[in-house]
Amino acid sequence: MNAGVRVQSDSFDMGAVLNAFAAAMSARNAGAVVSFSGLTRDIATGDLDAMEIEHYPGMTEKALAKIRDEAIERFNLSDAMILHRYGRMGPGEPIMMVATAARHRADAFQGAEFLMDYLKSRAPFWKKEITATGAVWVAARDEDEDALSRW
């Protein structure tokens, strides 16, 4: 697996992951590190028991590595990291995290936004919301697809 891409079922400590990434970037002369962490949020009705995320092992990691490499090239990043969970998660649990590093902040911010827009619309994950009354697959949102048009 690409060291900058992790797909795992276990929860993670956002601070520890970011600190490790940032520490590695000082040797690469990065002047900026940007991160984004996504949490499982409750649904509008307020009765989410859990979110289940599925993926195809191997295929998912390859797709994420490809977009990570594209972000590094496109935004002149020193490095980028994608961590995404699968399996069952309760409200408030971390789902994913991206971090980017670059000599300048604008590149790091753009790289992180590019990765997030990709993850929200094209990454091969399937999400199901589970409540006491049943389960529903999460449909793609037009806003997420529209966000890709800026790239």
C-alpha atoms as a PDB file:
ATOM      1  CA  MET A   1       0.000   0.000   0.000  1.00  0.00           C
ATOM      2  CA  ASN A   2       1.086   3.569  -0.674  1.00  0.00           C
ATOM      3  CA  ALA A   3       2.429   5.041   2.592  1.00  0.00           C
ATOM      4  CA  GLY A   4       0.409   8.198   2.006  1.00  0.00           C
ATOM      5  CA  VAL A   5      -2.873   6.277   1.732  1.00  0.00           C
ATOM      6  CA  ARG A   6      -4.460   4.327   4.565  1.00  0.00           C
ATOM      7  CA  VAL A   7      -7.840   2.586   4.438  1.00  0.00           C
ATOM      8  CA  GLN A   8      -8.684   1.002   7.761  1.00  0.00           C
ATOM      9  CA  SER A   9     -11.529  -0.082  10.001  1.00  0.00           C
ATOM     10  CA  ASP A  10      -9.943   1.081  13.253  1.00  0.00           C
ATOM     11  CA  SER A  11     -10.540   4.537  14.648  1.00  0.00           C
ATOM     12  CA  PHE A  12      -7.611   6.938  14.778  1.00  0.00           C
ATOM     13  CA  ASP A  13      -6.304   9.839  16.834  1.00  0.00           C
ATOM     14  CA  MET A  14      -6.532  12.899  14.564  1.00  0.00           C
ATOM     15  CA  GLY A  15      -3.930  14.823  16.554  1.00  0.00           C
ATOM     16  CA  ALA A  16      -1.398  11.994  16.544  1.00  0.00           C
ATOM     17  CA  VAL A  17      -1.807  11.401  12.809  1.00  0.00           C
ATOM     18  CA  LEU A  18      -1.418  15.109  12.024  1.00  0.00           C
ATOM     19  CA  ASN A  19       1.582  15.507  14.353  1.00  0.00           C
ATOM     20  CA  ALA A  20       3.367  12.577  12.702  1.00  0.00           C
ATOM     21  CA  PHE A  21       2.666  13.970   9.227  1.00  0.00           C
ATOM     22  CA  ALA A  22       3.826  17.481  10.186  1.00  0.00           C
ATOM     23  CA  ALA A  23       7.006  16.173  11.840  1.00  0.00           C
ATOM     24  CA  ALA A  24       7.963  14.350   8.649  1.00  0.00           C
ATOM     25  CA  MET A  25       7.421  17.533   6.605  1.00  0.00           C
ATOM     26  CA  SER A  26      10.042  19.618   8.394  1.00  0.00           C
ATOM     27  CA  ALA A  27      12.737  17.551   6.668  1.00  0.00           C
ATOM     28  CA  ARG A  28      11.144  18.348   3.299  1.00  0.00           C
ATOM     29  CA  ASN A  29      11.313  22.123   3.794  1.00  0.00           C
ATOM     30  CA  ALA A  30       7.527  22.510   3.886  1.00  0.00           C
ATOM     31  CA  GLY A  31       6.309  25.852   5.164  1.00  0.00           C
ATOM     32  CA  ALA A  32       2.631  24.888   5.447  1.00  0.00           C
ATOM     33  CA  VAL A  33       0.610  21.888   6.544  1.00  0.00           C
ATOM     34  CA  VAL A  34      -3.156  21.827   6.022  1.00  0.00           C
ATOM     35  CA  SER A  35      -5.493  19.134   7.275  1.00  0.00           C
ATOM     36  CA  PHE A  36      -9.171  18.290   7.205  1.00  0.00           C
ATOM     37  CA  SER A  37     -10.853  15.667   9.355  1.00  0.00           C
ATOM     38  CA  GLY A  38     -14.351  14.362   8.729  1.00  0.00           C
ATOM     39  CA  LEU A  39     -16.603  13.106  11.525  1.00  0.00           C
ATOM     40  CA  THR A  40     -19.698  10.936  11.354  1.00  0.00           C
ATOM     41  CA  ARG A  41     -22.537  13.416  11.714  1.00  0.00           C
ATOM     42  CA  ASP A  42     -26.075  12.687  12.766  1.00  0.00           C
ATOM     43  CA  ILE A  43     -28.782  12.867  10.130  1.00  0.00           C
ATOM     44  CA  ALA A  44     -31.408  15.632   9.988  1.00  0.00           C
ATOM     45  CA  THR A  45     -33.914  13.594  11.999  1.00  0.00           C
ATOM     46  CA  GLY A  46     -31.354  13.131  14.765  1.00  0.00           C
ATOM     47  CA  ASP A  47     -31.690   9.367  15.040  1.00  0.00           C
ATOM     48  CA  LEU A  48     -28.571   7.951  13.403  1.00  0.00           C
ATOM     49  CA  ASP A  49     -27.390   4.812  15.178  1.00  0.00           C
ATOM     50  CA  ALA A  50     -24.433   4.224  12.890  1.00  0.00           C
ATOM     51  CA  MET A  51     -22.899   4.802   9.479  1.00  0.00           C
ATOM     52  CA  GLU A  52     -21.556   1.812   7.582  1.00  0.00           C
ATOM     53  CA  ILE A  53     -18.965   2.361   4.878  1.00  0.00           C
ATOM     54  CA  GLU A  54     -18.045  -0.313   2.340  1.00  0.00           C
ATOM     55  CA  HIS A  55     -15.228  -0.439  -0.209  1.00  0.00           C
ATOM     56  CA  TYR A  56     -13.373  -2.861  -2.475  1.00  0.00           C
ATOM     57  CA  PRO A  57      -9.963  -3.586  -0.935  1.00  0.00           C
ATOM     58  CA  GLY A  58      -7.139  -3.011  -3.371  1.00  0.00           C
ATOM     59  CA  MET A  59      -9.230  -1.023  -5.820  1.00  0.00           C
ATOM     60  CA  THR A  60      -9.956   1.709  -3.279  1.00  0.00           C
ATOM     61  CA  GLU A  61      -6.324   2.134  -2.262  1.00  0.00           C
ATOM     62  CA  LYS A  62      -5.208   2.332  -5.902  1.00  0.00           C
ATOM     63  CA  ALA A  63      -7.838   4.988  -6.684  1.00  0.00           C
ATOM     64  CA  LEU A  64      -6.848   7.061  -3.644  1.00  0.00           C
ATOM     65  CA  ALA A  65      -3.135   6.743  -4.425  1.00  0.00           C
ATOM     66  CA  LYS A  66      -3.768   7.970  -7.971  1.00  0.00           C
ATOM     67  CA  ILE A  67      -5.616  11.109  -6.834  1.00  0.00           C
ATOM     68  CA  ARG A  68      -3.025  11.724  -4.103  1.00  0.00           C
ATOM     69  CA  ASP A  69      -0.253  11.586  -6.704  1.00  0.00           C
ATOM     70  CA  GLU A  70      -2.221  13.951  -8.945  1.00  0.00           C
ATOM     71  CA  ALA A  71      -2.632  16.438  -6.081  1.00  0.00           C
ATOM     72  CA  ILE A  72       1.098  16.333  -5.293  1.00  0.00           C
ATOM     73  CA  GLU A  73       1.952  17.049  -8.921  1.00  0.00           C
ATOM     74  CA  ARG A  74      -0.762  19.617  -9.594  1.00  0.00           C
ATOM     75  CA  PHE A  75      -0.242  21.724  -6.454  1.00  0.00           C
ATOM     76  CA  ASN A  76       3.524  21.274  -6.011  1.00  0.00           C
ATOM     77  CA  LEU A  77       3.016  19.549  -2.667  1.00  0.00           C
ATOM     78  CA  SER A  78       5.866  18.236  -0.562  1.00  0.00           C
ATOM     79  CA  ASP A  79       3.555  15.365   0.390  1.00  0.00           C
ATOM     80  CA  ALA A  80      -0.082  14.440   0.946  1.00  0.00           C
ATOM     81  CA  MET A  81      -1.836  11.883   3.102  1.00  0.00           C
ATOM     82  CA  ILE A  82      -5.302  10.310   2.879  1.00  0.00           C
ATOM     83  CA  LEU A  83      -6.709   8.225   5.716  1.00  0.00           C
ATOM     84  CA  HIS A  84     -10.237   6.812   5.323  1.00  0.00           C
ATOM     85  CA  ARG A  85     -12.152   4.367   7.454  1.00  0.00           C
ATOM     86  CA  TYR A  86     -14.601   1.658   6.509  1.00  0.00           C
ATOM     87  CA  GLY A  87     -16.964  -0.430   8.601  1.00  0.00           C
ATOM     88  CA  ARG A  88     -19.424   0.707  11.255  1.00  0.00           C
ATOM     89  CA  MET A  89     -19.053   4.118  12.945  1.00  0.00           C
ATOM     90  CA  GLY A  90     -21.232   5.929  15.450  1.00  0.00           C
ATOM     91  CA  PRO A  91     -22.056   9.654  15.428  1.00  0.00           C
ATOM     92  CA  GLY A  92     -19.042  11.810  16.261  1.00  0.00           C
ATOM     93  CA  GLU A  93     -16.433   9.219  15.298  1.00  0.00           C
ATOM     94  CA  PRO A  94     -13.702  10.187  12.828  1.00  0.00           C
ATOM     95  CA  ILE A  95     -14.332   8.895   9.289  1.00  0.00           C
ATOM     96  CA  MET A  96     -11.433  10.363   7.345  1.00  0.00           C
ATOM     97  CA  MET A  97      -8.563  12.784   7.228  1.00  0.00           C
ATOM     98  CA  VAL A  98      -6.451  14.439   4.573  1.00  0.00           C
ATOM     99  CA  ALA A  99      -3.262  16.381   5.135  1.00  0.00           C
ATOM    100  CA  THR A 100      -1.125  18.256   2.645  1.00  0.00           C
ATOM    101  CA  ALA A 101       2.233  19.967   2.932  1.00  0.00           C
ATOM    102  CA  ALA A 102       3.835  22.535   0.662  1.00  0.00           C
ATOM    103  CA  ARG A 103       6.358  25.337   0.732  1.00  0.00           C
ATOM    104  CA  HIS A 104       3.476  27.833   0.592  1.00  0.00           C
ATOM    105  CA  ARG A 105       0.046  27.825   2.237  1.00  0.00           C
ATOM    106  CA  ALA A 106      -2.012  28.456  -0.904  1.00  0.00           C
ATOM    107  CA  ASP A 107      -0.716  25.246  -2.489  1.00  0.00           C
ATOM    108  CA  ALA A 108      -1.351  23.254   0.696  1.00  0.00           C
ATOM    109  CA  PHE A 109      -4.919  24.614   0.997  1.00  0.00           C
ATOM    110  CA  GLN A 110      -5.730  23.976  -2.665  1.00  0.00           C
ATOM    111  CA  GLY A 111      -4.292  20.484  -2.521  1.00  0.00           C
ATOM    112  CA  ALA A 112      -6.423  19.631   0.521  1.00  0.00           C
ATOM    113  CA  GLU A 113      -9.574  21.050  -1.093  1.00  0.00           C
ATOM    114  CA  PHE A 114      -8.892  19.117  -4.288  1.00  0.00           C
ATOM    115  CA  LEU A 115      -8.516  15.870  -2.327  1.00  0.00           C
ATOM    116  CA  MET A 116     -11.708  16.530  -0.342  1.00  0.00           C
ATOM    117  CA  ASP A 117     -13.736  17.295  -3.461  1.00  0.00           C
ATOM    118  CA  TYR A 118     -12.530  14.033  -4.978  1.00  0.00           C
ATOM    119  CA  LEU A 119     -13.245  12.020  -1.830  1.00  0.00           C
ATOM    120  CA  LYS A 120     -16.786  13.395  -1.565  1.00  0.00           C
ATOM    121  CA  SER A 121     -17.729  12.633  -5.148  1.00  0.00           C
ATOM    122  CA  ARG A 122     -15.492   9.999  -6.764  1.00  0.00           C
ATOM    123  CA  ALA A 123     -13.732   7.873  -4.171  1.00  0.00           C
ATOM    124  CA  PRO A 124     -14.988   4.264  -4.269  1.00  0.00           C
ATOM    125  CA  PHE A 125     -16.770   4.163  -0.902  1.00  0.00           C
ATOM    126  CA  TRP A 126     -20.443   3.375  -0.306  1.00  0.00           C
ATOM    127  CA  LYS A 127     -22.199   4.729   2.781  1.00  0.00           C
ATOM    128  CA  LYS A 128     -25.284   3.451   4.545  1.00  0.00           C
ATOM    129  CA  GLU A 129     -27.091   5.311   7.342  1.00  0.00           C
ATOM    130  CA  ILE A 130     -28.580   3.036   9.971  1.00  0.00           C
ATOM    131  CA  THR A 131     -31.426   4.099  12.272  1.00  0.00           C
ATOM    132  CA  ALA A 132     -33.845   2.208  14.527  1.00  0.00           C
ATOM    133  CA  THR A 133     -36.290   2.068  11.603  1.00  0.00           C
ATOM    134  CA  GLY A 134     -33.881   0.663   9.020  1.00  0.00           C
ATOM    135  CA  ALA A 135     -30.969   1.435   6.726  1.00  0.00           C
ATOM    136  CA  VAL A 136     -30.657   3.755   3.722  1.00  0.00           C
ATOM    137  CA  TRP A 137     -27.796   4.038   1.224  1.00  0.00           C
ATOM    138  CA  VAL A 138     -26.501   7.610   0.964  1.00  0.00           C
ATOM    139  CA  ALA A 139     -27.041   9.063  -2.516  1.00  0.00           C
ATOM    140  CA  ALA A 140     -24.536  11.301  -4.281  1.00  0.00           C
ATOM    141  CA  ARG A 141     -25.199  15.009  -3.806  1.00  0.00           C
ATOM    142  CA  ASP A 142     -25.259  17.498  -6.662  1.00  0.00           C
ATOM    143  CA  GLU A 143     -23.202  19.991  -4.630  1.00  0.00           C
ATOM    144  CA  ASP A 144     -20.389  17.483  -4.316  1.00  0.00           C
ATOM    145  CA  GLU A 145     -20.350  16.798  -8.041  1.00  0.00           C
ATOM    146  CA  ASP A 146     -20.475  20.539  -8.797  1.00  0.00           C
ATOM    147  CA  ALA A 147     -17.448  21.155  -6.585  1.00  0.00           C
ATOM    148  CA  LEU A 148     -15.282  19.097  -8.952  1.00  0.00           C
ATOM    149  CA  SER A 149     -15.917  21.521 -11.812  1.00  0.00           C
ATOM    150  CA  ARG A 150     -13.492  24.075 -10.335  1.00  0.00           C
ATOM    151  CA  TRP A 151     -10.580  21.692 -10.858  1.00  0.00           C
END
